[in-house]
N, C-alpha and C. Protein backbone atom coordinates (compact mmCIF):
# COMPACT_ATOMS: atom_id res chain seq x y z
N MET A 1 -7.04 1.14 -12.51
CA MET A 1 -6.25 1.45 -11.35
C MET A 1 -6.04 0.14 -10.60
N LEU A 2 -4.80 -0.13 -10.23
CA LEU A 2 -4.48 -1.31 -9.45
C LEU A 2 -4.25 -0.88 -8.01
N TYR A 3 -4.86 -1.58 -7.09
CA TYR A 3 -4.69 -1.28 -5.68
C TYR A 3 -3.77 -2.33 -5.06
N PRO A 4 -2.89 -1.96 -4.13
CA PRO A 4 -1.89 -2.90 -3.62
C PRO A 4 -2.45 -3.91 -2.63
N GLN A 5 -3.71 -3.88 -2.32
CA GLN A 5 -4.26 -4.78 -1.32
C GLN A 5 -5.51 -5.46 -1.86
N ASP A 6 -5.67 -6.71 -1.53
CA ASP A 6 -6.87 -7.48 -1.87
C ASP A 6 -7.09 -7.63 -3.37
N ASP A 7 -6.05 -7.50 -4.18
CA ASP A 7 -6.14 -7.71 -5.64
C ASP A 7 -7.27 -6.90 -6.26
N GLN A 8 -7.47 -5.68 -5.82
CA GLN A 8 -8.55 -4.86 -6.34
C GLN A 8 -8.13 -4.16 -7.63
N ILE A 9 -9.05 -4.15 -8.58
CA ILE A 9 -8.84 -3.47 -9.85
C ILE A 9 -10.04 -2.58 -10.10
N ARG A 10 -9.76 -1.37 -10.52
CA ARG A 10 -10.84 -0.42 -10.84
C ARG A 10 -10.63 0.06 -12.27
N ARG A 11 -11.62 -0.11 -13.08
CA ARG A 11 -11.54 0.31 -14.47
C ARG A 11 -12.16 1.70 -14.63
N VAL A 12 -11.40 2.58 -15.26
CA VAL A 12 -11.85 3.95 -15.50
C VAL A 12 -11.75 4.19 -17.00
N ARG A 13 -12.88 4.49 -17.62
CA ARG A 13 -12.91 4.73 -19.06
C ARG A 13 -12.62 6.21 -19.33
N MET A 14 -11.65 6.45 -20.19
CA MET A 14 -11.27 7.83 -20.52
C MET A 14 -12.17 8.39 -21.61
N ASN A 15 -12.52 9.67 -21.46
CA ASN A 15 -13.29 10.42 -22.46
C ASN A 15 -14.54 9.67 -22.90
N ALA A 16 -15.27 9.16 -21.94
CA ALA A 16 -16.50 8.42 -22.20
C ALA A 16 -17.59 8.95 -21.27
N ALA A 17 -18.81 8.52 -21.56
CA ALA A 17 -19.95 8.90 -20.71
C ALA A 17 -20.45 7.67 -19.99
N HIS A 18 -21.15 7.89 -18.88
CA HIS A 18 -21.79 6.77 -18.19
C HIS A 18 -22.87 6.20 -19.10
N PRO A 19 -23.06 4.87 -19.10
CA PRO A 19 -24.14 4.31 -19.90
C PRO A 19 -25.50 4.75 -19.35
N LYS A 20 -26.51 4.70 -20.19
CA LYS A 20 -27.86 5.10 -19.76
C LYS A 20 -28.37 4.19 -18.65
N LYS A 21 -28.06 2.90 -18.75
CA LYS A 21 -28.45 1.94 -17.72
C LYS A 21 -27.18 1.34 -17.12
N ILE A 22 -26.94 1.64 -15.86
CA ILE A 22 -25.73 1.18 -15.17
C ILE A 22 -26.06 -0.05 -14.34
N THR A 23 -25.25 -1.08 -14.49
CA THR A 23 -25.35 -2.24 -13.62
C THR A 23 -24.44 -1.98 -12.43
N PRO A 24 -24.99 -1.84 -11.22
CA PRO A 24 -24.15 -1.54 -10.06
C PRO A 24 -23.06 -2.60 -9.86
N SER A 25 -21.89 -2.14 -9.43
CA SER A 25 -20.76 -3.03 -9.16
C SER A 25 -20.01 -2.49 -7.94
N ALA A 26 -19.10 -3.30 -7.41
CA ALA A 26 -18.37 -2.92 -6.20
C ALA A 26 -17.59 -1.62 -6.37
N MET A 27 -17.01 -1.40 -7.53
CA MET A 27 -16.23 -0.18 -7.79
C MET A 27 -17.04 0.89 -8.51
N GLY A 28 -18.26 0.55 -8.92
CA GLY A 28 -19.10 1.51 -9.63
C GLY A 28 -18.67 1.68 -11.07
N ASP A 29 -19.29 2.62 -11.75
CA ASP A 29 -18.96 2.94 -13.14
C ASP A 29 -18.19 4.25 -13.12
N SER A 30 -16.94 4.21 -13.59
CA SER A 30 -16.06 5.39 -13.56
C SER A 30 -15.68 5.82 -14.95
N VAL A 31 -15.84 7.11 -15.21
CA VAL A 31 -15.40 7.71 -16.47
C VAL A 31 -14.50 8.90 -16.11
N ALA A 32 -13.60 9.24 -17.02
CA ALA A 32 -12.63 10.29 -16.69
C ALA A 32 -12.29 11.15 -17.91
N HIS A 33 -11.79 12.33 -17.61
CA HIS A 33 -11.26 13.23 -18.62
C HIS A 33 -10.27 14.18 -17.94
N TYR A 34 -9.47 14.83 -18.74
CA TYR A 34 -8.54 15.83 -18.21
C TYR A 34 -9.11 17.22 -18.37
N GLU A 35 -8.91 18.03 -17.34
CA GLU A 35 -9.14 19.47 -17.40
C GLU A 35 -7.79 20.09 -17.10
N GLY A 36 -7.08 20.50 -18.14
CA GLY A 36 -5.71 20.99 -17.96
C GLY A 36 -4.83 19.86 -17.48
N ASP A 37 -4.15 20.06 -16.34
CA ASP A 37 -3.27 19.02 -15.81
C ASP A 37 -3.94 18.20 -14.72
N THR A 38 -5.27 18.29 -14.60
CA THR A 38 -6.01 17.57 -13.56
C THR A 38 -6.87 16.47 -14.19
N LEU A 39 -6.71 15.25 -13.67
CA LEU A 39 -7.53 14.13 -14.10
C LEU A 39 -8.80 14.11 -13.25
N ILE A 40 -9.95 14.19 -13.88
CA ILE A 40 -11.25 14.19 -13.20
C ILE A 40 -11.88 12.82 -13.42
N ILE A 41 -12.19 12.11 -12.34
CA ILE A 41 -12.86 10.81 -12.42
C ILE A 41 -14.23 10.95 -11.77
N ASP A 42 -15.26 10.56 -12.52
CA ASP A 42 -16.65 10.65 -12.07
C ASP A 42 -17.17 9.22 -11.90
N THR A 43 -17.65 8.89 -10.69
CA THR A 43 -18.10 7.52 -10.40
C THR A 43 -19.53 7.52 -9.87
N VAL A 44 -20.34 6.65 -10.44
CA VAL A 44 -21.71 6.39 -9.98
C VAL A 44 -21.93 4.88 -10.05
N GLY A 45 -23.07 4.42 -9.57
CA GLY A 45 -23.42 3.00 -9.71
C GLY A 45 -22.66 2.07 -8.81
N VAL A 46 -22.30 2.53 -7.60
CA VAL A 46 -21.62 1.65 -6.65
C VAL A 46 -22.67 0.72 -6.02
N LYS A 47 -22.39 -0.57 -6.08
CA LYS A 47 -23.33 -1.57 -5.57
C LYS A 47 -23.42 -1.48 -4.05
N ILE A 48 -24.64 -1.50 -3.55
CA ILE A 48 -24.87 -1.41 -2.11
C ILE A 48 -25.10 -2.83 -1.57
N GLY A 49 -24.36 -3.16 -0.53
CA GLY A 49 -24.49 -4.46 0.12
C GLY A 49 -24.76 -4.29 1.60
N ARG A 50 -24.75 -5.40 2.31
CA ARG A 50 -25.02 -5.38 3.75
C ARG A 50 -24.06 -4.49 4.52
N VAL A 51 -22.80 -4.51 4.12
CA VAL A 51 -21.78 -3.76 4.87
C VAL A 51 -21.12 -2.67 4.03
N THR A 52 -21.80 -2.19 3.01
CA THR A 52 -21.25 -1.13 2.17
C THR A 52 -21.16 0.16 2.96
N MET A 53 -20.01 0.84 2.85
CA MET A 53 -19.81 2.09 3.57
C MET A 53 -18.88 3.00 2.79
N VAL A 54 -18.98 4.29 3.05
CA VAL A 54 -18.16 5.29 2.38
C VAL A 54 -16.72 5.25 2.89
N ASP A 55 -16.53 4.97 4.17
CA ASP A 55 -15.21 5.05 4.77
C ASP A 55 -15.02 3.92 5.79
N ARG A 56 -13.88 3.92 6.45
CA ARG A 56 -13.58 2.88 7.45
C ARG A 56 -14.27 3.13 8.79
N TYR A 57 -15.02 4.20 8.88
CA TYR A 57 -15.75 4.50 10.11
C TYR A 57 -17.18 3.99 10.07
N GLY A 58 -17.58 3.38 8.96
CA GLY A 58 -18.92 2.82 8.86
C GLY A 58 -19.98 3.78 8.34
N THR A 59 -19.58 4.91 7.78
CA THR A 59 -20.54 5.86 7.24
C THR A 59 -21.29 5.20 6.08
N PRO A 60 -22.61 5.16 6.16
CA PRO A 60 -23.37 4.46 5.11
C PRO A 60 -23.38 5.22 3.79
N GLN A 61 -23.81 4.54 2.77
CA GLN A 61 -24.01 5.17 1.47
C GLN A 61 -25.23 4.51 0.82
N SER A 62 -25.76 5.17 -0.20
CA SER A 62 -26.93 4.63 -0.89
C SER A 62 -26.62 4.49 -2.37
N GLU A 63 -27.60 4.00 -3.11
CA GLU A 63 -27.44 3.84 -4.55
C GLU A 63 -27.31 5.20 -5.26
N ALA A 64 -27.57 6.28 -4.56
CA ALA A 64 -27.47 7.63 -5.14
C ALA A 64 -26.06 8.22 -5.01
N LEU A 65 -25.11 7.47 -4.46
CA LEU A 65 -23.75 7.98 -4.26
C LEU A 65 -23.15 8.45 -5.59
N HIS A 66 -22.55 9.63 -5.55
CA HIS A 66 -21.85 10.20 -6.69
C HIS A 66 -20.51 10.71 -6.18
N LEU A 67 -19.42 10.20 -6.74
CA LEU A 67 -18.07 10.55 -6.31
C LEU A 67 -17.34 11.22 -7.47
N VAL A 68 -16.74 12.37 -7.20
CA VAL A 68 -15.91 13.05 -8.19
C VAL A 68 -14.52 13.22 -7.58
N GLU A 69 -13.52 12.68 -8.28
CA GLU A 69 -12.13 12.77 -7.82
C GLU A 69 -11.34 13.66 -8.77
N ARG A 70 -10.44 14.45 -8.20
CA ARG A 70 -9.58 15.32 -9.00
C ARG A 70 -8.13 15.02 -8.59
N TYR A 71 -7.36 14.45 -9.53
CA TYR A 71 -5.97 14.11 -9.29
C TYR A 71 -5.07 15.08 -10.03
N ARG A 72 -4.01 15.55 -9.33
CA ARG A 72 -3.03 16.41 -10.00
C ARG A 72 -1.69 16.28 -9.31
N LEU A 73 -0.63 16.50 -10.06
CA LEU A 73 0.71 16.51 -9.50
C LEU A 73 0.98 17.89 -8.90
N ILE A 74 1.60 17.90 -7.73
CA ILE A 74 1.98 19.17 -7.11
C ILE A 74 3.47 19.14 -6.82
N ASP A 75 4.07 20.30 -6.65
CA ASP A 75 5.51 20.34 -6.43
C ASP A 75 5.86 19.96 -4.99
N VAL A 76 7.14 19.78 -4.75
CA VAL A 76 7.64 19.32 -3.45
C VAL A 76 7.23 20.25 -2.32
N ALA A 77 7.36 21.55 -2.53
CA ALA A 77 7.03 22.51 -1.47
C ALA A 77 5.56 22.42 -1.09
N ALA A 78 4.68 22.31 -2.09
CA ALA A 78 3.24 22.20 -1.81
C ALA A 78 2.93 20.89 -1.07
N ALA A 79 3.63 19.82 -1.42
CA ALA A 79 3.42 18.52 -0.75
C ALA A 79 3.84 18.60 0.71
N LYS A 80 4.99 19.20 0.97
CA LYS A 80 5.45 19.34 2.35
C LYS A 80 4.50 20.21 3.16
N GLU A 81 4.00 21.27 2.54
CA GLU A 81 3.05 22.15 3.22
C GLU A 81 1.75 21.40 3.55
N ALA A 82 1.25 20.59 2.62
CA ALA A 82 0.03 19.80 2.86
C ALA A 82 0.25 18.82 4.00
N MET A 83 1.41 18.17 4.04
CA MET A 83 1.69 17.21 5.09
C MET A 83 1.82 17.91 6.45
N THR A 84 2.48 19.06 6.48
CA THR A 84 2.63 19.81 7.73
C THR A 84 1.26 20.25 8.26
N LEU A 85 0.40 20.74 7.37
CA LEU A 85 -0.94 21.15 7.77
C LEU A 85 -1.73 19.97 8.33
N HIS A 86 -1.63 18.83 7.66
CA HIS A 86 -2.34 17.63 8.13
C HIS A 86 -1.84 17.23 9.52
N GLU A 87 -0.53 17.19 9.71
CA GLU A 87 0.03 16.79 11.01
C GLU A 87 -0.34 17.78 12.10
N ARG A 88 -0.45 19.05 11.76
CA ARG A 88 -0.85 20.07 12.73
C ARG A 88 -2.28 19.84 13.19
N ARG A 89 -3.14 19.41 12.25
CA ARG A 89 -4.56 19.19 12.58
C ARG A 89 -4.80 17.88 13.31
N VAL A 90 -4.20 16.79 12.85
CA VAL A 90 -4.54 15.48 13.41
C VAL A 90 -3.37 14.72 14.02
N GLY A 91 -2.18 15.29 13.97
CA GLY A 91 -1.01 14.61 14.52
C GLY A 91 -0.36 13.70 13.50
N ARG A 92 0.80 13.21 13.86
CA ARG A 92 1.55 12.32 12.98
C ARG A 92 1.20 10.89 13.31
N GLY A 93 0.79 10.14 12.31
CA GLY A 93 0.47 8.74 12.50
C GLY A 93 1.72 7.89 12.54
N PRO A 94 1.58 6.64 13.00
CA PRO A 94 2.75 5.76 13.09
C PRO A 94 3.25 5.34 11.74
N GLY A 95 2.43 5.40 10.72
CA GLY A 95 2.86 5.01 9.38
C GLY A 95 2.75 3.52 9.16
N ALA A 96 2.32 3.16 8.02
CA ALA A 96 2.20 1.76 7.62
C ALA A 96 3.41 1.39 6.79
N PRO A 97 3.64 0.11 6.57
CA PRO A 97 4.76 -0.28 5.71
C PRO A 97 4.66 0.41 4.36
N GLY A 98 5.78 0.87 3.84
CA GLY A 98 5.78 1.54 2.54
C GLY A 98 5.66 3.04 2.63
N THR A 99 5.45 3.59 3.84
CA THR A 99 5.38 5.04 3.97
C THR A 99 6.75 5.57 4.38
N GLY A 100 7.03 6.81 4.11
CA GLY A 100 8.27 7.49 4.44
C GLY A 100 9.45 6.56 4.68
N PRO A 101 10.66 6.98 4.52
CA PRO A 101 11.02 8.35 4.17
C PRO A 101 10.60 8.67 2.74
N TYR A 102 10.39 9.96 2.50
CA TYR A 102 9.90 10.40 1.21
C TYR A 102 11.03 10.93 0.35
N ASP A 103 10.89 10.78 -0.93
CA ASP A 103 11.84 11.32 -1.88
C ASP A 103 11.76 12.84 -1.77
N PRO A 104 12.84 13.51 -1.32
CA PRO A 104 12.77 14.95 -1.08
C PRO A 104 12.65 15.80 -2.35
N ASN A 105 12.88 15.19 -3.52
CA ASN A 105 12.86 15.96 -4.77
C ASN A 105 11.69 15.60 -5.68
N ALA A 106 10.84 14.68 -5.26
CA ALA A 106 9.77 14.20 -6.14
C ALA A 106 8.48 15.01 -5.97
N GLN A 107 7.75 15.14 -7.07
CA GLN A 107 6.42 15.73 -7.01
C GLN A 107 5.53 14.80 -6.20
N ALA A 108 4.38 15.28 -5.81
CA ALA A 108 3.41 14.47 -5.07
C ALA A 108 2.11 14.44 -5.86
N LEU A 109 1.28 13.46 -5.55
CA LEU A 109 -0.02 13.34 -6.17
C LEU A 109 -1.07 13.81 -5.17
N GLN A 110 -1.84 14.80 -5.56
CA GLN A 110 -2.86 15.32 -4.66
C GLN A 110 -4.24 14.95 -5.21
N LEU A 111 -5.06 14.39 -4.35
CA LEU A 111 -6.42 14.00 -4.69
C LEU A 111 -7.39 14.83 -3.88
N THR A 112 -8.28 15.51 -4.57
CA THR A 112 -9.38 16.21 -3.93
C THR A 112 -10.64 15.50 -4.40
N TYR A 113 -11.47 15.07 -3.46
CA TYR A 113 -12.67 14.34 -3.87
C TYR A 113 -13.91 14.93 -3.21
N THR A 114 -15.02 14.79 -3.91
CA THR A 114 -16.31 15.28 -3.43
C THR A 114 -17.29 14.12 -3.43
N VAL A 115 -17.95 13.92 -2.30
CA VAL A 115 -18.95 12.86 -2.13
C VAL A 115 -20.32 13.51 -2.06
N GLU A 116 -21.22 13.02 -2.88
CA GLU A 116 -22.59 13.51 -2.89
C GLU A 116 -23.51 12.30 -2.80
N ASP A 117 -24.38 12.29 -1.83
CA ASP A 117 -25.36 11.21 -1.67
C ASP A 117 -26.57 11.81 -0.95
N PRO A 118 -27.54 12.33 -1.70
CA PRO A 118 -28.67 13.02 -1.08
C PRO A 118 -29.53 12.13 -0.19
N ASN A 119 -29.40 10.81 -0.32
CA ASN A 119 -30.16 9.91 0.56
C ASN A 119 -29.51 9.76 1.93
N ILE A 120 -28.25 10.16 2.05
CA ILE A 120 -27.51 9.99 3.31
C ILE A 120 -27.06 11.33 3.89
N PHE A 121 -26.50 12.21 3.05
CA PHE A 121 -25.93 13.48 3.51
C PHE A 121 -26.83 14.65 3.15
N THR A 122 -26.82 15.66 3.99
CA THR A 122 -27.64 16.85 3.71
C THR A 122 -26.97 17.77 2.71
N THR A 123 -25.67 17.60 2.51
CA THR A 123 -24.94 18.44 1.56
C THR A 123 -23.73 17.64 1.06
N PRO A 124 -23.24 17.94 -0.14
CA PRO A 124 -22.01 17.29 -0.60
C PRO A 124 -20.85 17.69 0.32
N TRP A 125 -19.86 16.81 0.43
CA TRP A 125 -18.68 17.15 1.22
C TRP A 125 -17.42 16.75 0.47
N SER A 126 -16.34 17.43 0.78
CA SER A 126 -15.07 17.21 0.08
C SER A 126 -13.94 17.00 1.07
N ALA A 127 -12.89 16.36 0.60
CA ALA A 127 -11.68 16.15 1.39
C ALA A 127 -10.50 16.11 0.43
N GLN A 128 -9.31 16.16 0.99
CA GLN A 128 -8.11 16.18 0.17
C GLN A 128 -7.07 15.25 0.78
N ILE A 129 -6.37 14.53 -0.08
CA ILE A 129 -5.30 13.62 0.34
C ILE A 129 -4.09 13.94 -0.53
N THR A 130 -2.92 13.98 0.08
CA THR A 130 -1.69 14.18 -0.67
C THR A 130 -0.82 12.94 -0.51
N TYR A 131 -0.46 12.35 -1.62
CA TYR A 131 0.39 11.16 -1.63
C TYR A 131 1.79 11.57 -2.05
N ARG A 132 2.76 11.30 -1.18
CA ARG A 132 4.15 11.59 -1.53
C ARG A 132 4.85 10.30 -1.93
N ARG A 133 5.83 10.41 -2.78
CA ARG A 133 6.56 9.23 -3.26
C ARG A 133 7.52 8.75 -2.16
N THR A 134 7.31 7.51 -1.75
CA THR A 134 8.17 6.92 -0.73
C THR A 134 9.48 6.43 -1.35
N MET A 135 10.51 6.36 -0.55
CA MET A 135 11.78 5.81 -1.01
C MET A 135 11.86 4.32 -0.69
N ASN A 136 10.88 3.80 0.04
CA ASN A 136 10.83 2.37 0.35
C ASN A 136 10.20 1.60 -0.80
N ALA A 137 10.47 0.32 -0.85
CA ALA A 137 9.84 -0.54 -1.86
C ALA A 137 8.36 -0.67 -1.55
N TRP A 138 7.56 -0.87 -2.56
CA TRP A 138 6.12 -1.06 -2.40
C TRP A 138 5.89 -2.53 -2.13
N SER A 139 5.56 -2.85 -0.89
CA SER A 139 5.43 -4.25 -0.52
C SER A 139 4.08 -4.81 -0.94
N GLU A 140 4.10 -6.08 -1.34
CA GLU A 140 2.88 -6.75 -1.73
C GLU A 140 2.08 -7.10 -0.48
N GLN A 141 0.78 -6.93 -0.54
CA GLN A 141 -0.09 -7.28 0.57
C GLN A 141 -1.11 -8.26 0.06
N VAL A 142 -1.09 -9.45 0.62
CA VAL A 142 -2.04 -10.48 0.21
C VAL A 142 -2.72 -11.06 1.44
N CYS A 143 -3.59 -12.02 1.21
CA CYS A 143 -4.40 -12.57 2.30
C CYS A 143 -3.62 -13.50 3.22
N ALA A 144 -4.30 -14.38 3.93
CA ALA A 144 -3.75 -15.20 5.01
C ALA A 144 -2.55 -16.05 4.60
N GLU A 145 -2.45 -16.42 3.32
CA GLU A 145 -1.32 -17.25 2.95
C GLU A 145 0.01 -16.49 2.95
N ASN A 146 -0.03 -15.21 3.18
CA ASN A 146 1.19 -14.42 3.26
C ASN A 146 1.80 -14.63 4.65
N ILE A 147 3.03 -15.12 4.69
CA ILE A 147 3.65 -15.42 5.98
C ILE A 147 4.55 -14.29 6.47
N VAL A 148 4.52 -13.16 5.81
CA VAL A 148 5.33 -12.02 6.25
C VAL A 148 4.48 -11.06 7.07
N GLU A 149 5.15 -10.09 7.70
CA GLU A 149 4.44 -9.14 8.55
C GLU A 149 3.50 -8.26 7.74
N TYR A 150 2.31 -8.02 8.27
CA TYR A 150 1.41 -7.03 7.69
C TYR A 150 1.77 -5.66 8.23
N TRP A 151 2.02 -5.59 9.52
CA TRP A 151 2.39 -4.34 10.19
C TRP A 151 3.58 -4.63 11.08
N PRO A 152 4.42 -3.65 11.32
CA PRO A 152 5.61 -3.88 12.14
C PRO A 152 5.29 -4.52 13.49
N GLY A 153 6.01 -5.59 13.81
CA GLY A 153 5.84 -6.27 15.09
C GLY A 153 4.63 -7.19 15.17
N MET A 154 3.92 -7.37 14.08
CA MET A 154 2.73 -8.22 14.10
C MET A 154 2.86 -9.32 13.05
N ASN A 155 3.90 -10.13 13.15
CA ASN A 155 4.11 -11.20 12.20
C ASN A 155 3.14 -12.34 12.50
N ILE A 156 2.31 -12.65 11.54
CA ILE A 156 1.34 -13.72 11.75
C ILE A 156 1.62 -14.83 10.76
N GLY A 157 2.05 -15.98 11.28
CA GLY A 157 2.36 -17.12 10.43
C GLY A 157 1.10 -17.81 9.96
N VAL A 158 1.27 -18.63 8.94
CA VAL A 158 0.16 -19.42 8.43
C VAL A 158 -0.16 -20.51 9.45
N PRO A 159 -1.44 -20.72 9.83
CA PRO A 159 -1.80 -21.77 10.77
C PRO A 159 -1.41 -23.15 10.23
N LYS A 160 -0.94 -24.00 11.12
CA LYS A 160 -0.52 -25.35 10.74
C LYS A 160 -1.19 -26.35 11.66
N ALA A 161 -1.59 -27.48 11.09
CA ALA A 161 -2.19 -28.56 11.87
C ALA A 161 -1.20 -29.71 11.94
N ASP A 162 -1.24 -30.47 13.07
CA ASP A 162 -0.37 -31.64 13.20
C ASP A 162 -0.79 -32.75 12.27
N LYS A 163 -2.09 -32.84 12.00
CA LYS A 163 -2.60 -33.85 11.07
C LYS A 163 -3.76 -33.26 10.29
N PRO A 164 -4.04 -33.79 9.10
CA PRO A 164 -5.15 -33.25 8.31
C PRO A 164 -6.47 -33.40 9.03
N ASP A 165 -7.38 -32.49 8.78
CA ASP A 165 -8.71 -32.56 9.43
C ASP A 165 -9.75 -33.15 8.49
N PHE A 166 -9.31 -33.93 7.52
CA PHE A 166 -10.26 -34.59 6.63
C PHE A 166 -9.91 -36.05 6.45
């Protein structure tokens, strides 16, 4: 899996089992298989560091983390219904570059995931995300040497010095 930010790559082995001895890594050890039209990805062995967290809110995780993801395509009506339900619960976000307008005729990708970590959580928990196909181009996001806007109205140029500092 290629992620559009920070040059992240996640390798998922199809129709394989986790090795008996897993060397922890940033993305963990992921294996996958299909159940009907649903891709199931099972991940364990995520390396724990000083600032390792499950989400952007700082929720901790331990070496016992077990993540199961279920990806499937859903039709346009189901995607619109999922988005309407989400907006009803949490409101409409401002959107990041590359989001909406959406292709009104395209299927959507729905991800349902379950997080289990008995060292941190008292019970497994699940959530669902629906990704709709945008009609905008997928913009590249790179680090500081990128002189284009990261977010609308926040253009940050590359720092320049009048003379070298060496």
